[in-house]
N, C-alpha and C. Protein backbone atom coordinates (compact mmCIF):
# COMPACT_ATOMS: atom_id res chain seq x y z
N MET A 1 -23.24 -1.56 -3.30
CA MET A 1 -22.21 -2.52 -3.60
C MET A 1 -21.57 -2.98 -2.29
N ASP A 2 -21.49 -4.26 -2.11
CA ASP A 2 -20.91 -4.85 -0.90
C ASP A 2 -19.43 -5.11 -1.14
N ILE A 3 -18.56 -4.38 -0.45
CA ILE A 3 -17.12 -4.59 -0.57
C ILE A 3 -16.65 -5.28 0.70
N ARG A 4 -16.17 -6.48 0.54
CA ARG A 4 -15.71 -7.28 1.66
C ARG A 4 -14.28 -6.92 2.04
N GLN A 5 -13.97 -7.10 3.31
CA GLN A 5 -12.62 -6.88 3.80
C GLN A 5 -11.77 -8.09 3.44
N CYS A 6 -10.58 -7.85 3.00
CA CYS A 6 -9.68 -8.92 2.62
C CYS A 6 -8.41 -8.82 3.45
N ARG A 7 -8.21 -9.77 4.36
CA ARG A 7 -7.03 -9.75 5.22
C ARG A 7 -5.79 -10.08 4.40
N ARG A 8 -4.75 -9.28 4.63
CA ARG A 8 -3.46 -9.44 3.97
C ARG A 8 -3.55 -9.31 2.45
N CYS A 9 -4.47 -8.50 1.98
CA CYS A 9 -4.59 -8.23 0.55
C CYS A 9 -4.14 -6.81 0.25
N LEU A 10 -3.47 -6.65 -0.86
CA LEU A 10 -3.17 -5.31 -1.35
C LEU A 10 -4.41 -4.79 -2.05
N LEU A 11 -4.44 -3.50 -2.31
CA LEU A 11 -5.64 -2.87 -2.87
C LEU A 11 -6.02 -3.46 -4.22
N TYR A 12 -5.03 -3.77 -5.06
CA TYR A 12 -5.36 -4.31 -6.39
C TYR A 12 -6.02 -5.70 -6.30
N GLU A 13 -5.89 -6.36 -5.17
CA GLU A 13 -6.48 -7.68 -5.00
C GLU A 13 -7.91 -7.63 -4.46
N THR A 14 -8.41 -6.46 -4.17
CA THR A 14 -9.75 -6.31 -3.61
C THR A 14 -10.75 -6.00 -4.72
N ALA A 15 -12.01 -5.96 -4.34
CA ALA A 15 -13.08 -5.65 -5.29
C ALA A 15 -13.28 -4.14 -5.47
N ASP A 16 -12.57 -3.34 -4.68
CA ASP A 16 -12.75 -1.88 -4.73
C ASP A 16 -11.88 -1.27 -5.83
N LYS A 17 -12.31 -1.44 -7.05
CA LYS A 17 -11.52 -0.99 -8.21
C LYS A 17 -11.43 0.54 -8.27
N ALA A 18 -12.45 1.24 -7.79
CA ALA A 18 -12.41 2.71 -7.79
C ALA A 18 -11.31 3.22 -6.87
N ALA A 19 -11.19 2.62 -5.69
CA ALA A 19 -10.13 3.01 -4.75
C ALA A 19 -8.78 2.68 -5.35
N TYR A 20 -8.64 1.52 -5.98
CA TYR A 20 -7.38 1.13 -6.60
C TYR A 20 -6.96 2.14 -7.67
N GLU A 21 -7.89 2.51 -8.53
CA GLU A 21 -7.58 3.48 -9.59
C GLU A 21 -7.19 4.83 -9.00
N SER A 22 -7.88 5.26 -7.96
CA SER A 22 -7.57 6.53 -7.31
C SER A 22 -6.16 6.50 -6.72
N VAL A 23 -5.81 5.42 -6.05
CA VAL A 23 -4.47 5.29 -5.46
C VAL A 23 -3.41 5.25 -6.55
N GLN A 24 -3.68 4.54 -7.63
CA GLN A 24 -2.71 4.48 -8.72
C GLN A 24 -2.50 5.85 -9.37
N ASN A 25 -3.56 6.62 -9.50
CA ASN A 25 -3.44 7.98 -10.03
C ASN A 25 -2.60 8.85 -9.09
N TYR A 26 -2.79 8.69 -7.80
CA TYR A 26 -2.00 9.44 -6.83
C TYR A 26 -0.53 9.04 -6.91
N ILE A 27 -0.27 7.74 -6.96
CA ILE A 27 1.10 7.25 -7.06
C ILE A 27 1.79 7.81 -8.31
N ALA A 28 1.07 7.85 -9.41
CA ALA A 28 1.63 8.37 -10.67
C ALA A 28 2.01 9.84 -10.55
N SER A 29 1.36 10.56 -9.63
CA SER A 29 1.63 11.99 -9.48
C SER A 29 2.83 12.28 -8.57
N ILE A 30 3.36 11.27 -7.90
CA ILE A 30 4.48 11.47 -6.99
C ILE A 30 5.73 11.75 -7.82
N PRO A 31 6.44 12.84 -7.52
CA PRO A 31 7.64 13.18 -8.30
C PRO A 31 8.68 12.05 -8.28
N GLU A 32 9.36 11.88 -9.37
CA GLU A 32 10.36 10.83 -9.52
C GLU A 32 11.38 10.83 -8.39
N ALA A 33 11.81 11.99 -7.96
CA ALA A 33 12.82 12.11 -6.91
C ALA A 33 12.33 11.60 -5.55
N GLU A 34 11.03 11.49 -5.38
CA GLU A 34 10.46 11.05 -4.10
C GLU A 34 10.05 9.58 -4.11
N ARG A 35 10.28 8.90 -5.22
CA ARG A 35 9.85 7.51 -5.37
C ARG A 35 10.92 6.53 -4.89
N ALA A 36 10.46 5.46 -4.28
CA ALA A 36 11.36 4.38 -3.88
C ALA A 36 11.76 3.59 -5.13
N ASP A 37 12.92 3.00 -5.08
CA ASP A 37 13.37 2.10 -6.13
C ASP A 37 12.37 0.95 -6.25
N GLU A 38 12.16 0.44 -7.44
CA GLU A 38 11.18 -0.62 -7.67
C GLU A 38 11.42 -1.85 -6.79
N SER A 39 12.68 -2.23 -6.60
CA SER A 39 12.97 -3.39 -5.75
C SER A 39 12.63 -3.11 -4.28
N VAL A 40 12.85 -1.88 -3.84
CA VAL A 40 12.50 -1.49 -2.48
C VAL A 40 10.98 -1.51 -2.32
N TYR A 41 10.29 -0.96 -3.30
CA TYR A 41 8.82 -0.94 -3.29
C TYR A 41 8.26 -2.35 -3.18
N ARG A 42 8.74 -3.25 -4.02
CA ARG A 42 8.26 -4.63 -4.02
C ARG A 42 8.59 -5.34 -2.70
N SER A 43 9.77 -5.08 -2.19
CA SER A 43 10.18 -5.68 -0.91
C SER A 43 9.28 -5.20 0.22
N ARG A 44 8.99 -3.92 0.25
CA ARG A 44 8.11 -3.36 1.27
C ARG A 44 6.72 -3.98 1.20
N LEU A 45 6.18 -4.09 -0.02
CA LEU A 45 4.85 -4.68 -0.17
C LEU A 45 4.83 -6.14 0.26
N SER A 46 5.92 -6.84 -0.01
CA SER A 46 6.03 -8.23 0.41
C SER A 46 5.94 -8.35 1.93
N VAL A 47 6.60 -7.44 2.63
CA VAL A 47 6.54 -7.43 4.10
C VAL A 47 5.11 -7.10 4.55
N CYS A 48 4.49 -6.13 3.91
CA CYS A 48 3.12 -5.75 4.26
C CYS A 48 2.15 -6.92 4.08
N LYS A 49 2.33 -7.69 3.03
CA LYS A 49 1.44 -8.83 2.76
C LYS A 49 1.50 -9.87 3.86
N GLU A 50 2.56 -9.90 4.63
CA GLU A 50 2.70 -10.87 5.72
C GLU A 50 2.23 -10.31 7.06
N CYS A 51 1.84 -9.07 7.08
CA CYS A 51 1.49 -8.38 8.32
C CYS A 51 0.00 -8.54 8.67
N ASP A 52 -0.27 -8.83 9.92
CA ASP A 52 -1.65 -8.95 10.39
C ASP A 52 -2.40 -7.62 10.37
N MET A 53 -1.69 -6.52 10.27
CA MET A 53 -2.33 -5.21 10.27
C MET A 53 -2.84 -4.79 8.88
N LEU A 54 -2.55 -5.59 7.85
CA LEU A 54 -3.00 -5.28 6.49
C LEU A 54 -4.40 -5.83 6.26
N ILE A 55 -5.29 -4.96 5.86
CA ILE A 55 -6.65 -5.38 5.53
C ILE A 55 -7.17 -4.53 4.37
N SER A 56 -7.50 -5.21 3.29
CA SER A 56 -8.02 -4.56 2.07
C SER A 56 -7.14 -3.41 1.61
N GLY A 57 -5.83 -3.61 1.63
CA GLY A 57 -4.90 -2.61 1.13
C GLY A 57 -4.56 -1.50 2.10
N MET A 58 -5.15 -1.52 3.27
CA MET A 58 -4.91 -0.47 4.26
C MET A 58 -4.20 -1.02 5.48
N CYS A 59 -3.35 -0.19 6.05
CA CYS A 59 -2.67 -0.52 7.29
C CYS A 59 -3.59 -0.13 8.45
N ARG A 60 -3.91 -1.10 9.29
CA ARG A 60 -4.77 -0.80 10.44
C ARG A 60 -4.01 -0.05 11.53
N LYS A 61 -2.71 -0.04 11.45
CA LYS A 61 -1.90 0.69 12.45
C LYS A 61 -2.03 2.20 12.23
N CYS A 62 -1.97 2.64 10.96
CA CYS A 62 -1.98 4.09 10.70
C CYS A 62 -3.10 4.55 9.76
N GLY A 63 -3.74 3.62 9.05
CA GLY A 63 -4.83 3.98 8.15
C GLY A 63 -4.42 4.33 6.74
N CYS A 64 -3.14 4.16 6.41
CA CYS A 64 -2.69 4.49 5.06
C CYS A 64 -2.98 3.36 4.08
N TYR A 65 -2.95 3.69 2.80
CA TYR A 65 -2.91 2.66 1.78
C TYR A 65 -1.45 2.26 1.66
N VAL A 66 -1.14 0.99 1.91
CA VAL A 66 0.25 0.56 1.97
C VAL A 66 0.96 0.72 0.63
N GLU A 67 0.24 0.64 -0.47
CA GLU A 67 0.87 0.82 -1.77
C GLU A 67 1.41 2.23 -1.95
N VAL A 68 0.78 3.20 -1.33
CA VAL A 68 1.29 4.58 -1.38
C VAL A 68 2.48 4.71 -0.44
N ARG A 69 2.34 4.29 0.79
CA ARG A 69 3.43 4.43 1.76
C ARG A 69 4.69 3.72 1.27
N ALA A 70 4.53 2.52 0.72
CA ALA A 70 5.69 1.75 0.24
C ALA A 70 6.36 2.41 -0.96
N PHE A 71 5.61 3.20 -1.71
CA PHE A 71 6.13 3.83 -2.94
C PHE A 71 6.98 5.05 -2.66
N VAL A 72 6.76 5.71 -1.54
CA VAL A 72 7.48 6.94 -1.21
C VAL A 72 8.81 6.59 -0.55
N ALA A 73 9.89 7.07 -1.13
CA ALA A 73 11.25 6.71 -0.70
C ALA A 73 11.50 6.96 0.77
N GLY A 74 11.12 8.10 1.29
CA GLY A 74 11.43 8.47 2.65
C GLY A 74 10.46 7.97 3.72
N SER A 75 9.50 7.14 3.34
CA SER A 75 8.53 6.68 4.32
C SER A 75 9.03 5.43 5.03
N ASP A 76 8.35 5.11 6.13
CA ASP A 76 8.68 3.90 6.86
C ASP A 76 7.41 3.24 7.36
N CYS A 77 7.53 2.03 7.78
CA CYS A 77 6.40 1.27 8.30
C CYS A 77 6.06 1.76 9.70
N PRO A 78 4.79 2.06 9.99
CA PRO A 78 4.43 2.53 11.32
C PRO A 78 4.63 1.44 12.39
N GLY A 79 4.74 0.18 11.95
CA GLY A 79 4.99 -0.91 12.88
C GLY A 79 6.47 -1.28 12.98
N GLY A 80 7.33 -0.53 12.27
CA GLY A 80 8.76 -0.76 12.32
C GLY A 80 9.24 -1.99 11.55
N ARG A 81 8.43 -2.47 10.63
CA ARG A 81 8.81 -3.68 9.89
C ARG A 81 9.71 -3.41 8.70
N TRP A 82 9.72 -2.18 8.19
CA TRP A 82 10.67 -1.79 7.13
C TRP A 82 10.98 -0.31 7.25
């Protein structure tokens, strides 16, 4: 299966549905107390979507899936954008 790189795409926007499902399962397992508020999560993802370091849902600066990093309350952007 040929999975193309998608610049400035979140994981759900890519063709890699297996990776998306895996990340969503991981996010669902994060304890409620460690989760960012929904508005914070959405705001963070909005910033990530504008970043040149985002490719196919991953941050090229640190290698994380941005949807996971943005979901965790105590996390921050490795590029200092949020």
